[in-house]
Amino acid sequence: MSEHLPITDGARPRWRGLVTTVMLILISVMIVRDILGWRWTGTPPSPPDATQQSR
């Protein structure tokens, strides 16, 4: 059975490592952009309740 298996040196092809690296970088950039956007472009605080009377 082992004579039918292809012989490999155990290393991944270079393009697979490159694709993995690029995907991780893109995911990281998207997460950071989402967090920063949520923090600095959040909704302003709600105005005070209109039913309260000022003194």
PDB file of N, CA and C in Angstrom:
ATOM      1  N   MET A   1       0.820  -1.191   0.000  1.00  0.00           N
ATOM      2  CA  MET A   1       0.000   0.000   0.000  1.00  0.00           C
ATOM      3  C   MET A   1       0.866   1.257   0.000  1.00  0.00           C
ATOM      4  N   SER A   2       1.952   1.257   0.736  1.00  0.00           N
ATOM      5  CA  SER A   2       2.796   2.441   0.809  1.00  0.00           C
ATOM      6  C   SER A   2       3.532   2.698  -0.498  1.00  0.00           C
ATOM      7  N   GLU A   3       3.642   1.721  -1.370  1.00  0.00           N
ATOM      8  CA  GLU A   3       4.335   1.956  -2.631  1.00  0.00           C
ATOM      9  C   GLU A   3       3.514   2.815  -3.599  1.00  0.00           C
ATOM     10  N   HIS A   4       2.226   3.022  -3.319  1.00  0.00           N
ATOM     11  CA  HIS A   4       1.378   3.828  -4.173  1.00  0.00           C
ATOM     12  C   HIS A   4       1.289   5.285  -3.724  1.00  0.00           C
ATOM     13  N   LEU A   5       1.790   5.593  -2.565  1.00  0.00           N
ATOM     14  CA  LEU A   5       1.728   6.961  -2.059  1.00  0.00           C
ATOM     15  C   LEU A   5       2.839   7.805  -2.695  1.00  0.00           C
ATOM     16  N   PRO A   6       2.547   9.066  -3.024  1.00  0.00           N
ATOM     17  CA  PRO A   6       3.599   9.926  -3.583  1.00  0.00           C
ATOM     18  C   PRO A   6       4.639  10.261  -2.523  1.00  0.00           C
ATOM     19  N   ILE A   7       5.859  10.427  -2.963  1.00  0.00           N
ATOM     20  CA  ILE A   7       6.952  10.750  -2.045  1.00  0.00           C
ATOM     21  C   ILE A   7       6.998  12.265  -1.873  1.00  0.00           C
ATOM     22  N   THR A   8       6.898  12.699  -0.633  1.00  0.00           N
ATOM     23  CA  THR A   8       6.980  14.130  -0.327  1.00  0.00           C
ATOM     24  C   THR A   8       8.015  14.342   0.757  1.00  0.00           C
ATOM     25  N   ASP A   9       8.523  15.545   0.817  1.00  0.00           N
ATOM     26  CA  ASP A   9       9.512  15.853   1.854  1.00  0.00           C
ATOM     27  C   ASP A   9       8.865  16.398   3.113  1.00  0.00           C
ATOM     28  N   GLY A  10       7.538  16.496   3.153  1.00  0.00           N
ATOM     29  CA  GLY A  10       6.828  16.955   4.335  1.00  0.00           C
ATOM     30  C   GLY A  10       6.591  18.445   4.381  1.00  0.00           C
ATOM     31  N   ALA A  11       7.163  19.199   3.469  1.00  0.00           N
ATOM     32  CA  ALA A  11       6.976  20.647   3.452  1.00  0.00           C
ATOM     33  C   ALA A  11       5.803  21.003   2.548  1.00  0.00           C
ATOM     34  N   ARG A  12       5.084  22.054   2.933  1.00  0.00           N
ATOM     35  CA  ARG A  12       3.980  22.526   2.093  1.00  0.00           C
ATOM     36  C   ARG A  12       4.546  23.273   0.893  1.00  0.00           C
ATOM     37  N   PRO A  13       3.807  23.269  -0.194  1.00  0.00           N
ATOM     38  CA  PRO A  13       4.256  24.089  -1.326  1.00  0.00           C
ATOM     39  C   PRO A  13       4.303  25.562  -0.940  1.00  0.00           C
ATOM     40  N   ARG A  14       5.172  26.300  -1.591  1.00  0.00           N
ATOM     41  CA  ARG A  14       5.385  27.706  -1.240  1.00  0.00           C
ATOM     42  C   ARG A  14       4.124  28.533  -1.410  1.00  0.00           C
ATOM     43  N   TRP A  15       3.341  28.265  -2.450  1.00  0.00           N
ATOM     44  CA  TRP A  15       2.143  29.069  -2.696  1.00  0.00           C
ATOM     45  C   TRP A  15       1.091  28.857  -1.626  1.00  0.00           C
ATOM     46  N   ARG A  16       1.030  27.671  -1.030  1.00  0.00           N
ATOM     47  CA  ARG A  16       0.058  27.448   0.046  1.00  0.00           C
ATOM     48  C   ARG A  16       0.419  28.241   1.281  1.00  0.00           C
ATOM     49  N   GLY A  17       1.684  28.333   1.591  1.00  0.00           N
ATOM     50  CA  GLY A  17       2.123  29.146   2.724  1.00  0.00           C
ATOM     51  C   GLY A  17       1.859  30.622   2.481  1.00  0.00           C
ATOM     52  N   LEU A  18       2.045  31.051   1.244  1.00  0.00           N
ATOM     53  CA  LEU A  18       1.794  32.443   0.893  1.00  0.00           C
ATOM     54  C   LEU A  18       0.304  32.772   0.997  1.00  0.00           C
ATOM     55  N   VAL A  19      -0.534  31.871   0.518  1.00  0.00           N
ATOM     56  CA  VAL A  19      -1.982  32.094   0.595  1.00  0.00           C
ATOM     57  C   VAL A  19      -2.425  32.168   2.049  1.00  0.00           C
ATOM     58  N   THR A  20      -1.912  31.283   2.883  1.00  0.00           N
ATOM     59  CA  THR A  20      -2.266  31.293   4.304  1.00  0.00           C
ATOM     60  C   THR A  20      -1.846  32.604   4.961  1.00  0.00           C
ATOM     61  N   THR A  21      -0.649  33.061   4.664  1.00  0.00           N
ATOM     62  CA  THR A  21      -0.157  34.305   5.245  1.00  0.00           C
ATOM     63  C   THR A  21      -1.007  35.489   4.805  1.00  0.00           C
ATOM     64  N   VAL A  22      -1.323  35.562   3.527  1.00  0.00           N
ATOM     65  CA  VAL A  22      -2.136  36.660   3.012  1.00  0.00           C
ATOM     66  C   VAL A  22      -3.522  36.649   3.646  1.00  0.00           C
ATOM     67  N   MET A  23      -4.120  35.483   3.786  1.00  0.00           N
ATOM     68  CA  MET A  23      -5.448  35.386   4.395  1.00  0.00           C
ATOM     69  C   MET A  23      -5.415  35.843   5.854  1.00  0.00           C
ATOM     70  N   LEU A  24      -4.414  35.453   6.597  1.00  0.00           N
ATOM     71  CA  LEU A  24      -4.311  35.874   7.992  1.00  0.00           C
ATOM     72  C   LEU A  24      -4.139  37.388   8.100  1.00  0.00           C
ATOM     73  N   ILE A  25      -3.339  37.965   7.211  1.00  0.00           N
ATOM     74  CA  ILE A  25      -3.149  39.419   7.237  1.00  0.00           C
ATOM     75  C   ILE A  25      -4.455  40.131   6.912  1.00  0.00           C
ATOM     76  N   LEU A  26      -5.175  39.662   5.895  1.00  0.00           N
ATOM     77  CA  LEU A  26      -6.441  40.294   5.533  1.00  0.00           C
ATOM     78  C   LEU A  26      -7.464  40.204   6.658  1.00  0.00           C
ATOM     79  N   ILE A  27      -7.561  39.049   7.301  1.00  0.00           N
ATOM     80  CA  ILE A  27      -8.506  38.891   8.409  1.00  0.00           C
ATOM     81  C   ILE A  27      -8.124  39.820   9.563  1.00  0.00           C
ATOM     82  N   SER A  28      -6.835  39.915   9.849  1.00  0.00           N
ATOM     83  CA  SER A  28      -6.383  40.796  10.933  1.00  0.00           C
ATOM     84  C   SER A  28      -6.709  42.249  10.629  1.00  0.00           C
ATOM     85  N   VAL A  29      -6.486  42.681   9.398  1.00  0.00           N
ATOM     86  CA  VAL A  29      -6.786  44.062   9.023  1.00  0.00           C
ATOM     87  C   VAL A  29      -8.278  44.332   9.144  1.00  0.00           C
ATOM     88  N   MET A  30      -9.109  43.395   8.719  1.00  0.00           N
ATOM     89  CA  MET A  30     -10.554  43.588   8.814  1.00  0.00           C
ATOM     90  C   MET A  30     -11.009  43.691  10.260  1.00  0.00           C
ATOM     91  N   ILE A  31     -10.451  42.863  11.141  1.00  0.00           N
ATOM     92  CA  ILE A  31     -10.830  42.898  12.554  1.00  0.00           C
ATOM     93  C   ILE A  31     -10.416  44.226  13.187  1.00  0.00           C
ATOM     94  N   VAL A  32      -9.179  44.666  12.934  1.00  0.00           N
ATOM     95  CA  VAL A  32      -8.692  45.924  13.513  1.00  0.00           C
ATOM     96  C   VAL A  32      -9.507  47.094  12.984  1.00  0.00           C
ATOM     97  N   ARG A  33      -9.808  47.105  11.687  1.00  0.00           N
ATOM     98  CA  ARG A  33     -10.605  48.189  11.110  1.00  0.00           C
ATOM     99  C   ARG A  33     -11.993  48.225  11.734  1.00  0.00           C
ATOM    100  N   ASP A  34     -12.576  47.067  11.968  1.00  0.00           N
ATOM    101  CA  ASP A  34     -13.896  47.005  12.578  1.00  0.00           C
ATOM    102  C   ASP A  34     -13.867  47.528  14.008  1.00  0.00           C
ATOM    103  N   ILE A  35     -12.857  47.147  14.767  1.00  0.00           N
ATOM    104  CA  ILE A  35     -12.752  47.596  16.156  1.00  0.00           C
ATOM    105  C   ILE A  35     -12.530  49.101  16.219  1.00  0.00           C
ATOM    106  N   LEU A  36     -11.617  49.620  15.399  1.00  0.00           N
ATOM    107  CA  LEU A  36     -11.342  51.055  15.426  1.00  0.00           C
ATOM    108  C   LEU A  36     -12.550  51.846  14.943  1.00  0.00           C
ATOM    109  N   GLY A  37     -13.218  51.359  13.937  1.00  0.00           N
ATOM    110  CA  GLY A  37     -14.408  52.043  13.451  1.00  0.00           C
ATOM    111  C   GLY A  37     -15.513  52.051  14.475  1.00  0.00           C
ATOM    112  N   TRP A  38     -15.656  50.977  15.194  1.00  0.00           N
ATOM    113  CA  TRP A  38     -16.695  50.902  16.234  1.00  0.00           C
ATOM    114  C   TRP A  38     -16.376  51.862  17.376  1.00  0.00           C
ATOM    115  N   ARG A  39     -15.089  52.005  17.681  1.00  0.00           N
ATOM    116  CA  ARG A  39     -14.706  52.847  18.819  1.00  0.00           C
ATOM    117  C   ARG A  39     -14.840  54.328  18.505  1.00  0.00           C
ATOM    118  N   TRP A  40     -14.379  54.770  17.327  1.00  0.00           N
ATOM    119  CA  TRP A  40     -14.326  56.198  17.046  1.00  0.00           C
ATOM    120  C   TRP A  40     -15.501  56.734  16.243  1.00  0.00           C
ATOM    121  N   THR A  41     -16.311  55.889  15.689  1.00  0.00           N
ATOM    122  CA  THR A  41     -17.473  56.374  14.942  1.00  0.00           C
ATOM    123  C   THR A  41     -18.754  55.857  15.570  1.00  0.00           C
ATOM    124  N   GLY A  42     -18.725  55.641  16.862  1.00  0.00           N
ATOM    125  CA  GLY A  42     -19.911  55.173  17.560  1.00  0.00           C
ATOM    126  C   GLY A  42     -20.985  56.239  17.588  1.00  0.00           C
ATOM    127  N   THR A  43     -22.178  55.837  17.944  1.00  0.00           N
ATOM    128  CA  THR A  43     -23.287  56.780  17.999  1.00  0.00           C
ATOM    129  C   THR A  43     -23.097  57.731  19.171  1.00  0.00           C
ATOM    130  N   PRO A  44     -23.494  58.982  19.020  1.00  0.00           N
ATOM    131  CA  PRO A  44     -23.370  59.935  20.129  1.00  0.00           C
ATOM    132  C   PRO A  44     -24.319  59.544  21.262  1.00  0.00           C
ATOM    133  N   PRO A  45     -24.050  60.012  22.462  1.00  0.00           N
ATOM    134  CA  PRO A  45     -24.936  59.674  23.576  1.00  0.00           C
ATOM    135  C   PRO A  45     -26.344  60.204  23.338  1.00  0.00           C
ATOM    136  N   SER A  46     -27.293  59.478  23.843  1.00  0.00           N
ATOM    137  CA  SER A  46     -28.683  59.869  23.621  1.00  0.00           C
ATOM    138  C   SER A  46     -29.002  61.147  24.412  1.00  0.00           C
ATOM    139  N   PRO A  47     -29.871  62.001  23.870  1.00  0.00           N
ATOM    140  CA  PRO A  47     -30.233  63.239  24.579  1.00  0.00           C
ATOM    141  C   PRO A  47     -31.056  62.909  25.827  1.00  0.00           C
ATOM    142  N   PRO A  48     -31.110  63.835  26.763  1.00  0.00           N
ATOM    143  CA  PRO A  48     -31.904  63.582  27.973  1.00  0.00           C
ATOM    144  C   PRO A  48     -33.378  63.389  27.625  1.00  0.00           C
ATOM    145  N   ASP A  49     -34.072  62.760  28.503  1.00  0.00           N
ATOM    146  CA  ASP A  49     -35.486  62.466  28.276  1.00  0.00           C
ATOM    147  C   ASP A  49     -36.279  63.762  28.140  1.00  0.00           C
ATOM    148  N   ALA A  50     -37.148  63.845  27.156  1.00  0.00           N
ATOM    149  CA  ALA A  50     -37.912  65.066  26.887  1.00  0.00           C
ATOM    150  C   ALA A  50     -39.030  65.289  27.904  1.00  0.00           C
ATOM    151  N   THR A  51     -39.361  64.284  28.658  1.00  0.00           N
ATOM    152  CA  THR A  51     -40.475  64.435  29.600  1.00  0.00           C
ATOM    153  C   THR A  51     -40.053  65.103  30.906  1.00  0.00           C
ATOM    154  N   GLN A  52     -38.755  65.225  31.151  1.00  0.00           N
ATOM    155  CA  GLN A  52     -38.301  65.860  32.382  1.00  0.00           C
ATOM    156  C   GLN A  52     -38.453  67.378  32.259  1.00  0.00           C
ATOM    157  N   GLN A  53     -38.847  68.007  33.341  1.00  0.00           N
ATOM    158  CA  GLN A  53     -39.016  69.451  33.344  1.00  0.00           C
ATOM    159  C   GLN A  53     -37.741  70.103  33.878  1.00  0.00           C
ATOM    160  N   SER A  54     -37.324  71.176  33.225  1.00  0.00           N
ATOM    161  CA  SER A  54     -36.158  71.899  33.710  1.00  0.00           C
ATOM    162  C   SER A  54     -36.579  72.857  34.806  1.00  0.00           C
ATOM    163  N   ARG A  55     -35.700  73.108  35.765  1.00  0.00           N
ATOM    164  CA  ARG A  55     -36.046  73.985  36.891  1.00  0.00           C
ATOM    165  C   ARG A  55     -35.389  75.306  36.771  1.00  0.00           C
TER     166      ARG A  55
END
